[in-house]
Amino acid sequence: MSPFEVPWGRAGQLQATMTVTRLLSQLVEQGFLDGAPGTLADQLVTNVWARKPDLFEGKIGPKPHKVSVAAIALASATHRAAQRCDDTLCSTYMLGLSLLLDEIGRTARSYRFHTVDHQLLDAAATMLSGNLDDLQRDPLLHWHGL
């Protein structure tokens, strides 16, 4: 491998991180979030990627789309914030997740989603359908090991 090539797993992770970074940057600009969006996005995607690298690297099926990875990273972050009873951060991540899912819904025809993408997006969408107490025990995220 050339020193200028990025392995697919890392490239997919970077693409998802850039998607989350753009979204978090909007939340920072609008005053909903403080901090460095790139650093936070990297942490969110890295945390979820580390839990299921075979899933995200396509070793056990098709590679998930970057927006599906971004959505599940935000959903997982929402779940963790709810477990810590950090309602402000949880609400901020939920806002970001809802913006992302809305964008995906409006432009869905432009994506070539696989079954794994639909599963990840469905799991991410459950974060928006319950109250904060329910998020602390969400079975779909546990099913994905996230």
N, C-alpha and C. Protein backbone atom coordinates (compact mmCIF):
# COMPACT_ATOMS: atom_id res chain seq x y z
N MET A 1 0.85 -1.18 0.00
CA MET A 1 0.00 0.00 0.00
C MET A 1 0.89 1.24 0.00
N SER A 2 0.51 2.18 -0.80
CA SER A 2 1.23 3.44 -0.89
C SER A 2 1.05 4.23 0.40
N PRO A 3 2.06 5.00 0.81
CA PRO A 3 1.90 5.82 2.01
C PRO A 3 0.83 6.90 1.86
N PHE A 4 0.36 7.13 0.62
CA PHE A 4 -0.65 8.14 0.37
C PHE A 4 -2.07 7.56 0.33
N GLU A 5 -2.16 6.24 0.37
CA GLU A 5 -3.47 5.60 0.36
C GLU A 5 -4.00 5.50 1.78
N VAL A 6 -5.30 5.62 1.89
CA VAL A 6 -5.97 5.45 3.17
C VAL A 6 -6.73 4.13 3.10
N PRO A 7 -6.50 3.22 4.05
CA PRO A 7 -7.24 1.96 4.02
C PRO A 7 -8.74 2.25 4.08
N TRP A 8 -9.57 1.39 3.42
CA TRP A 8 -11.00 1.66 3.33
C TRP A 8 -11.61 1.89 4.70
N GLY A 9 -11.29 1.04 5.67
CA GLY A 9 -11.88 1.20 6.99
C GLY A 9 -11.65 2.59 7.53
N ARG A 10 -10.45 3.07 7.44
CA ARG A 10 -10.12 4.42 7.92
C ARG A 10 -10.79 5.48 7.05
N ALA A 11 -10.85 5.24 5.73
CA ALA A 11 -11.50 6.21 4.84
C ALA A 11 -12.98 6.32 5.17
N GLY A 12 -13.64 5.20 5.40
CA GLY A 12 -15.06 5.22 5.77
C GLY A 12 -15.28 5.93 7.09
N GLN A 13 -14.39 5.70 8.02
CA GLN A 13 -14.48 6.36 9.32
C GLN A 13 -14.28 7.86 9.17
N LEU A 14 -13.33 8.26 8.36
CA LEU A 14 -13.08 9.69 8.13
C LEU A 14 -14.27 10.37 7.44
N GLN A 15 -14.89 9.67 6.49
CA GLN A 15 -16.06 10.23 5.80
C GLN A 15 -17.21 10.44 6.78
N ALA A 16 -17.44 9.46 7.64
CA ALA A 16 -18.50 9.60 8.64
C ALA A 16 -18.16 10.72 9.61
N THR A 17 -16.89 10.82 10.00
CA THR A 17 -16.46 11.88 10.90
C THR A 17 -16.69 13.26 10.28
N MET A 18 -16.40 13.40 9.01
CA MET A 18 -16.61 14.68 8.32
C MET A 18 -18.10 15.03 8.27
N THR A 19 -18.94 14.03 8.08
CA THR A 19 -20.39 14.26 8.08
C THR A 19 -20.84 14.78 9.43
N VAL A 20 -20.38 14.14 10.51
CA VAL A 20 -20.75 14.56 11.86
C VAL A 20 -20.14 15.94 12.16
N THR A 21 -18.93 16.18 11.71
CA THR A 21 -18.28 17.48 11.94
C THR A 21 -19.10 18.61 11.33
N ARG A 22 -19.55 18.43 10.10
CA ARG A 22 -20.36 19.47 9.45
C ARG A 22 -21.63 19.74 10.24
N LEU A 23 -22.25 18.69 10.73
CA LEU A 23 -23.48 18.84 11.50
C LEU A 23 -23.22 19.53 12.83
N LEU A 24 -22.18 19.09 13.54
CA LEU A 24 -21.87 19.71 14.83
C LEU A 24 -21.42 21.15 14.66
N SER A 25 -20.78 21.46 13.56
CA SER A 25 -20.38 22.84 13.28
C SER A 25 -21.60 23.75 13.20
N GLN A 26 -22.66 23.26 12.59
CA GLN A 26 -23.91 24.02 12.54
C GLN A 26 -24.44 24.27 13.94
N LEU A 27 -24.39 23.24 14.79
CA LEU A 27 -24.90 23.38 16.15
C LEU A 27 -24.05 24.36 16.96
N VAL A 28 -22.74 24.38 16.72
CA VAL A 28 -21.86 25.35 17.40
C VAL A 28 -22.20 26.76 16.92
N GLU A 29 -22.34 26.93 15.60
CA GLU A 29 -22.66 28.24 15.03
C GLU A 29 -23.99 28.77 15.57
N GLN A 30 -24.94 27.89 15.81
CA GLN A 30 -26.26 28.29 16.29
C GLN A 30 -26.32 28.41 17.81
N GLY A 31 -25.20 28.12 18.49
CA GLY A 31 -25.14 28.30 19.93
C GLY A 31 -25.67 27.14 20.76
N PHE A 32 -25.92 26.00 20.14
CA PHE A 32 -26.42 24.84 20.87
C PHE A 32 -25.32 24.01 21.50
N LEU A 33 -24.09 24.18 21.03
CA LEU A 33 -22.99 23.33 21.45
C LEU A 33 -21.72 24.16 21.54
N ASP A 34 -20.89 23.87 22.53
CA ASP A 34 -19.59 24.52 22.66
C ASP A 34 -18.51 23.50 22.32
N GLY A 35 -17.35 23.99 21.92
CA GLY A 35 -16.22 23.12 21.70
C GLY A 35 -15.81 23.04 20.24
N ALA A 36 -14.90 22.11 20.00
CA ALA A 36 -14.36 21.89 18.67
C ALA A 36 -15.14 20.77 17.99
N PRO A 37 -15.95 21.10 16.98
CA PRO A 37 -16.79 20.08 16.35
C PRO A 37 -16.00 18.92 15.75
N GLY A 38 -14.84 19.20 15.18
CA GLY A 38 -14.05 18.13 14.57
C GLY A 38 -13.55 17.12 15.59
N THR A 39 -13.09 17.63 16.70
CA THR A 39 -12.59 16.75 17.77
C THR A 39 -13.73 15.91 18.35
N LEU A 40 -14.86 16.55 18.59
CA LEU A 40 -16.01 15.84 19.14
C LEU A 40 -16.53 14.81 18.15
N ALA A 41 -16.63 15.18 16.89
CA ALA A 41 -17.10 14.24 15.86
C ALA A 41 -16.18 13.04 15.77
N ASP A 42 -14.88 13.28 15.83
CA ASP A 42 -13.92 12.17 15.79
C ASP A 42 -14.14 11.22 16.97
N GLN A 43 -14.38 11.78 18.14
CA GLN A 43 -14.62 10.96 19.32
C GLN A 43 -15.89 10.14 19.17
N LEU A 44 -16.96 10.76 18.68
CA LEU A 44 -18.24 10.06 18.55
C LEU A 44 -18.15 8.91 17.56
N VAL A 45 -17.56 9.16 16.40
CA VAL A 45 -17.45 8.12 15.37
C VAL A 45 -16.46 7.05 15.82
N THR A 46 -15.35 7.44 16.40
CA THR A 46 -14.36 6.47 16.87
C THR A 46 -14.95 5.55 17.93
N ASN A 47 -15.74 6.12 18.85
CA ASN A 47 -16.36 5.30 19.90
C ASN A 47 -17.28 4.24 19.32
N VAL A 48 -18.12 4.62 18.38
CA VAL A 48 -19.06 3.66 17.83
C VAL A 48 -18.33 2.67 16.91
N TRP A 49 -17.34 3.14 16.17
CA TRP A 49 -16.58 2.29 15.24
C TRP A 49 -15.82 1.21 16.03
N ALA A 50 -15.26 1.59 17.16
CA ALA A 50 -14.45 0.66 17.95
C ALA A 50 -15.30 -0.49 18.52
N ARG A 51 -16.58 -0.26 18.69
CA ARG A 51 -17.44 -1.30 19.25
C ARG A 51 -17.79 -2.39 18.25
N LYS A 52 -17.84 -2.04 16.97
CA LYS A 52 -18.20 -3.00 15.92
C LYS A 52 -17.38 -2.76 14.65
N PRO A 53 -16.05 -2.87 14.73
CA PRO A 53 -15.24 -2.58 13.54
C PRO A 53 -15.56 -3.49 12.36
N ASP A 54 -15.86 -4.75 12.61
CA ASP A 54 -16.18 -5.67 11.51
C ASP A 54 -17.43 -5.23 10.76
N LEU A 55 -18.40 -4.70 11.47
CA LEU A 55 -19.62 -4.19 10.84
C LEU A 55 -19.31 -2.99 9.97
N PHE A 56 -18.58 -2.01 10.53
CA PHE A 56 -18.34 -0.76 9.82
C PHE A 56 -17.30 -0.89 8.71
N GLU A 57 -16.43 -1.88 8.80
CA GLU A 57 -15.42 -2.09 7.76
C GLU A 57 -15.90 -3.05 6.68
N GLY A 58 -17.13 -3.54 6.81
CA GLY A 58 -17.70 -4.41 5.79
C GLY A 58 -17.19 -5.83 5.81
N LYS A 59 -16.65 -6.28 6.92
CA LYS A 59 -16.13 -7.64 7.01
C LYS A 59 -17.22 -8.68 7.20
N ILE A 60 -18.41 -8.24 7.64
CA ILE A 60 -19.51 -9.19 7.86
C ILE A 60 -20.73 -8.84 6.99
N GLY A 61 -20.49 -8.14 5.92
CA GLY A 61 -21.55 -7.71 5.02
C GLY A 61 -21.13 -6.45 4.30
N PRO A 62 -22.08 -5.83 3.61
CA PRO A 62 -21.73 -4.59 2.90
C PRO A 62 -21.32 -3.48 3.87
N LYS A 63 -20.44 -2.62 3.41
CA LYS A 63 -20.01 -1.48 4.23
C LYS A 63 -21.18 -0.50 4.35
N PRO A 64 -21.46 -0.05 5.56
CA PRO A 64 -22.52 0.95 5.72
C PRO A 64 -22.12 2.29 5.10
N HIS A 65 -23.11 3.02 4.64
CA HIS A 65 -22.91 4.34 4.08
C HIS A 65 -22.47 5.30 5.18
N LYS A 66 -21.71 6.32 4.82
CA LYS A 66 -21.18 7.26 5.81
C LYS A 66 -22.29 7.95 6.59
N VAL A 67 -23.44 8.22 5.97
CA VAL A 67 -24.51 8.89 6.71
C VAL A 67 -25.16 7.95 7.72
N SER A 68 -25.16 6.66 7.43
CA SER A 68 -25.69 5.68 8.40
C SER A 68 -24.77 5.58 9.60
N VAL A 69 -23.48 5.59 9.35
CA VAL A 69 -22.50 5.57 10.44
C VAL A 69 -22.61 6.85 11.26
N ALA A 70 -22.74 7.98 10.59
CA ALA A 70 -22.89 9.26 11.29
C ALA A 70 -24.15 9.24 12.17
N ALA A 71 -25.24 8.72 11.64
CA ALA A 71 -26.50 8.69 12.39
C ALA A 71 -26.38 7.80 13.62
N ILE A 72 -25.79 6.63 13.47
CA ILE A 72 -25.69 5.73 14.63
C ILE A 72 -24.68 6.28 15.64
N ALA A 73 -23.68 7.00 15.18
CA ALA A 73 -22.74 7.63 16.11
C ALA A 73 -23.45 8.68 16.96
N LEU A 74 -24.29 9.49 16.33
CA LEU A 74 -25.06 10.49 17.08
C LEU A 74 -26.08 9.82 18.00
N ALA A 75 -26.70 8.75 17.53
CA ALA A 75 -27.67 8.02 18.36
C ALA A 75 -26.98 7.41 19.58
N SER A 76 -25.82 6.84 19.37
CA SER A 76 -25.07 6.24 20.47
C SER A 76 -24.64 7.31 21.46
N ALA A 77 -24.23 8.47 20.96
CA ALA A 77 -23.85 9.58 21.84
C ALA A 77 -25.06 10.07 22.63
N THR A 78 -26.21 10.10 21.99
CA THR A 78 -27.46 10.48 22.67
C THR A 78 -27.75 9.49 23.79
N HIS A 79 -27.59 8.23 23.49
CA HIS A 79 -27.83 7.16 24.46
C HIS A 79 -26.90 7.30 25.66
N ARG A 80 -25.62 7.53 25.40
CA ARG A 80 -24.64 7.69 26.49
C ARG A 80 -24.93 8.93 27.33
N ALA A 81 -25.32 10.02 26.67
CA ALA A 81 -25.65 11.25 27.41
C ALA A 81 -26.88 11.02 28.29
N ALA A 82 -27.85 10.26 27.79
CA ALA A 82 -29.04 9.94 28.58
C ALA A 82 -28.68 9.07 29.78
N GLN A 83 -27.78 8.12 29.58
CA GLN A 83 -27.34 7.26 30.69
C GLN A 83 -26.66 8.08 31.78
N ARG A 84 -25.95 9.14 31.38
CA ARG A 84 -25.27 10.01 32.35
C ARG A 84 -26.20 11.09 32.89
N CYS A 85 -27.47 11.06 32.44
CA CYS A 85 -28.47 12.05 32.85
C CYS A 85 -28.06 13.47 32.48
N ASP A 86 -27.36 13.62 31.37
CA ASP A 86 -26.96 14.93 30.86
C ASP A 86 -28.01 15.35 29.83
N ASP A 87 -29.11 15.91 30.34
CA ASP A 87 -30.24 16.24 29.48
C ASP A 87 -29.90 17.28 28.42
N THR A 88 -29.03 18.23 28.73
CA THR A 88 -28.67 19.28 27.77
C THR A 88 -27.91 18.68 26.60
N LEU A 89 -26.89 17.88 26.89
CA LEU A 89 -26.11 17.27 25.82
C LEU A 89 -26.96 16.26 25.05
N CYS A 90 -27.77 15.51 25.75
CA CYS A 90 -28.66 14.55 25.10
C CYS A 90 -29.58 15.27 24.12
N SER A 91 -30.17 16.36 24.53
CA SER A 91 -31.07 17.13 23.66
C SER A 91 -30.32 17.70 22.46
N THR A 92 -29.10 18.13 22.67
CA THR A 92 -28.29 18.68 21.58
C THR A 92 -27.99 17.60 20.55
N TYR A 93 -27.58 16.42 21.03
CA TYR A 93 -27.32 15.31 20.10
C TYR A 93 -28.60 14.88 19.39
N MET A 94 -29.73 14.90 20.10
CA MET A 94 -31.01 14.55 19.47
C MET A 94 -31.35 15.56 18.37
N LEU A 95 -31.08 16.83 18.61
CA LEU A 95 -31.32 17.85 17.59
C LEU A 95 -30.45 17.56 16.36
N GLY A 96 -29.16 17.29 16.58
CA GLY A 96 -28.27 16.97 15.47
C GLY A 96 -28.73 15.72 14.72
N LEU A 97 -29.14 14.71 15.47
CA LEU A 97 -29.61 13.47 14.84
C LEU A 97 -30.87 13.73 14.03
N SER A 98 -31.78 14.54 14.56
CA SER A 98 -33.02 14.82 13.82
C SER A 98 -32.72 15.60 12.54
N LEU A 99 -31.77 16.53 12.60
CA LEU A 99 -31.38 17.26 11.39
C LEU A 99 -30.79 16.32 10.34
N LEU A 100 -29.94 15.41 10.79
CA LEU A 100 -29.33 14.46 9.86
C LEU A 100 -30.37 13.52 9.26
N LEU A 101 -31.26 12.97 10.10
CA LEU A 101 -32.27 12.05 9.58
C LEU A 101 -33.25 12.76 8.65
N ASP A 102 -33.54 14.02 8.95
CA ASP A 102 -34.40 14.80 8.06
C ASP A 102 -33.74 14.97 6.69
N GLU A 103 -32.46 15.30 6.69
CA GLU A 103 -31.72 15.45 5.42
C GLU A 103 -31.69 14.12 4.66
N ILE A 104 -31.44 13.03 5.36
CA ILE A 104 -31.42 11.72 4.71
C ILE A 104 -32.79 11.42 4.11
N GLY A 105 -33.85 11.72 4.86
CA GLY A 105 -35.20 11.48 4.37
C GLY A 105 -35.53 12.28 3.12
N ARG A 106 -35.07 13.51 3.07
CA ARG A 106 -35.35 14.37 1.92
C ARG A 106 -34.55 13.98 0.68
N THR A 107 -33.38 13.35 0.90
CA THR A 107 -32.51 13.02 -0.24
C THR A 107 -32.29 11.51 -0.37
N ALA A 108 -33.19 10.72 0.19
CA ALA A 108 -33.00 9.26 0.26
C ALA A 108 -32.78 8.61 -1.11
N ARG A 109 -33.40 9.14 -2.12
CA ARG A 109 -33.27 8.54 -3.46
C ARG A 109 -31.85 8.61 -4.00
N SER A 110 -31.05 9.52 -3.47
CA SER A 110 -29.68 9.67 -3.97
C SER A 110 -28.71 8.68 -3.31
N TYR A 111 -29.17 7.96 -2.30
CA TYR A 111 -28.31 7.00 -1.61
C TYR A 111 -28.57 5.58 -2.09
N ARG A 112 -27.54 4.79 -2.06
CA ARG A 112 -27.68 3.35 -2.35
C ARG A 112 -27.49 2.61 -1.03
N PHE A 113 -28.57 2.53 -0.28
CA PHE A 113 -28.50 1.91 1.03
C PHE A 113 -28.62 0.39 0.92
N HIS A 114 -27.90 -0.28 1.82
CA HIS A 114 -27.99 -1.73 1.99
C HIS A 114 -28.85 -2.00 3.22
N THR A 115 -29.12 -3.25 3.45
CA THR A 115 -29.91 -3.65 4.62
C THR A 115 -29.28 -3.13 5.90
N VAL A 116 -27.96 -3.19 6.00
CA VAL A 116 -27.28 -2.72 7.20
C VAL A 116 -27.54 -1.22 7.43
N ASP A 117 -27.61 -0.46 6.36
CA ASP A 117 -27.91 0.97 6.49
C ASP A 117 -29.31 1.18 7.06
N HIS A 118 -30.26 0.44 6.54
CA HIS A 118 -31.63 0.56 7.04
C HIS A 118 -31.71 0.17 8.52
N GLN A 119 -30.97 -0.86 8.91
CA GLN A 119 -30.96 -1.26 10.32
C GLN A 119 -30.34 -0.18 11.20
N LEU A 120 -29.22 0.37 10.76
CA LEU A 120 -28.57 1.43 11.54
C LEU A 120 -29.44 2.68 11.61
N LEU A 121 -30.06 3.05 10.50
CA LEU A 121 -30.91 4.24 10.48
C LEU A 121 -32.16 4.03 11.34
N ASP A 122 -32.73 2.82 11.29
CA ASP A 122 -33.89 2.52 12.14
C ASP A 122 -33.52 2.61 13.61
N ALA A 123 -32.36 2.05 13.96
CA ALA A 123 -31.91 2.11 15.35
C ALA A 123 -31.67 3.55 15.77
N ALA A 124 -31.08 4.34 14.89
CA ALA A 124 -30.82 5.75 15.20
C ALA A 124 -32.14 6.51 15.36
N ALA A 125 -33.11 6.20 14.53
CA ALA A 125 -34.39 6.91 14.58
C ALA A 125 -35.14 6.62 15.88
N THR A 126 -34.91 5.47 16.50
CA THR A 126 -35.60 5.17 17.76
C THR A 126 -35.20 6.16 18.85
N MET A 127 -34.05 6.78 18.70
CA MET A 127 -33.61 7.76 19.69
C MET A 127 -34.56 8.96 19.73
N LEU A 128 -35.23 9.22 18.63
CA LEU A 128 -36.11 10.38 18.55
C LEU A 128 -37.54 10.07 18.97
N SER A 129 -37.85 8.79 19.16
CA SER A 129 -39.24 8.42 19.40
C SER A 129 -39.58 8.20 20.87
N GLY A 130 -38.58 8.18 21.74
CA GLY A 130 -38.86 7.92 23.14
C GLY A 130 -38.49 9.09 24.02
N ASN A 131 -38.84 8.95 25.29
CA ASN A 131 -38.40 9.99 26.22
C ASN A 131 -37.01 9.64 26.75
N LEU A 132 -36.38 10.54 27.47
CA LEU A 132 -35.00 10.34 27.90
C LEU A 132 -34.84 9.12 28.80
N ASP A 133 -35.86 8.80 29.59
CA ASP A 133 -35.77 7.61 30.44
C ASP A 133 -35.73 6.34 29.60
N ASP A 134 -36.53 6.30 28.52
CA ASP A 134 -36.53 5.14 27.65
C ASP A 134 -35.21 4.98 26.90
N LEU A 135 -34.56 6.10 26.59
CA LEU A 135 -33.30 6.04 25.86
C LEU A 135 -32.21 5.32 26.65
N GLN A 136 -32.31 5.38 27.97
CA GLN A 136 -31.29 4.75 28.79
C GLN A 136 -31.32 3.24 28.67
N ARG A 137 -32.43 2.68 28.18
CA ARG A 137 -32.56 1.22 28.09
C ARG A 137 -32.88 0.77 26.67
N ASP A 138 -32.48 1.49 25.66
CA ASP A 138 -32.88 1.19 24.30
C ASP A 138 -32.36 -0.15 23.81
N PRO A 139 -33.25 -1.11 23.46
CA PRO A 139 -32.81 -2.44 23.04
C PRO A 139 -32.17 -2.48 21.66
N LEU A 140 -32.57 -1.58 20.74
CA LEU A 140 -31.98 -1.62 19.41
C LEU A 140 -30.50 -1.30 19.43
N LEU A 141 -30.11 -0.34 20.23
CA LEU A 141 -28.68 -0.04 20.32
C LEU A 141 -27.93 -1.20 20.96
N HIS A 142 -28.53 -1.84 21.93
CA HIS A 142 -27.88 -3.00 22.55
C HIS A 142 -27.78 -4.14 21.57
N TRP A 143 -28.79 -4.31 20.72
CA TRP A 143 -28.78 -5.37 19.72
C TRP A 143 -27.59 -5.16 18.76
N HIS A 144 -27.30 -3.93 18.41
CA HIS A 144 -26.16 -3.63 17.55
C HIS A 144 -24.85 -3.59 18.33
N GLY A 145 -24.92 -3.75 19.64
CA GLY A 145 -23.71 -3.69 20.45
C GLY A 145 -23.17 -2.29 20.60
N LEU A 146 -24.02 -1.29 20.46
CA LEU A 146 -23.60 0.10 20.51
C LEU A 146 -24.17 0.74 21.75
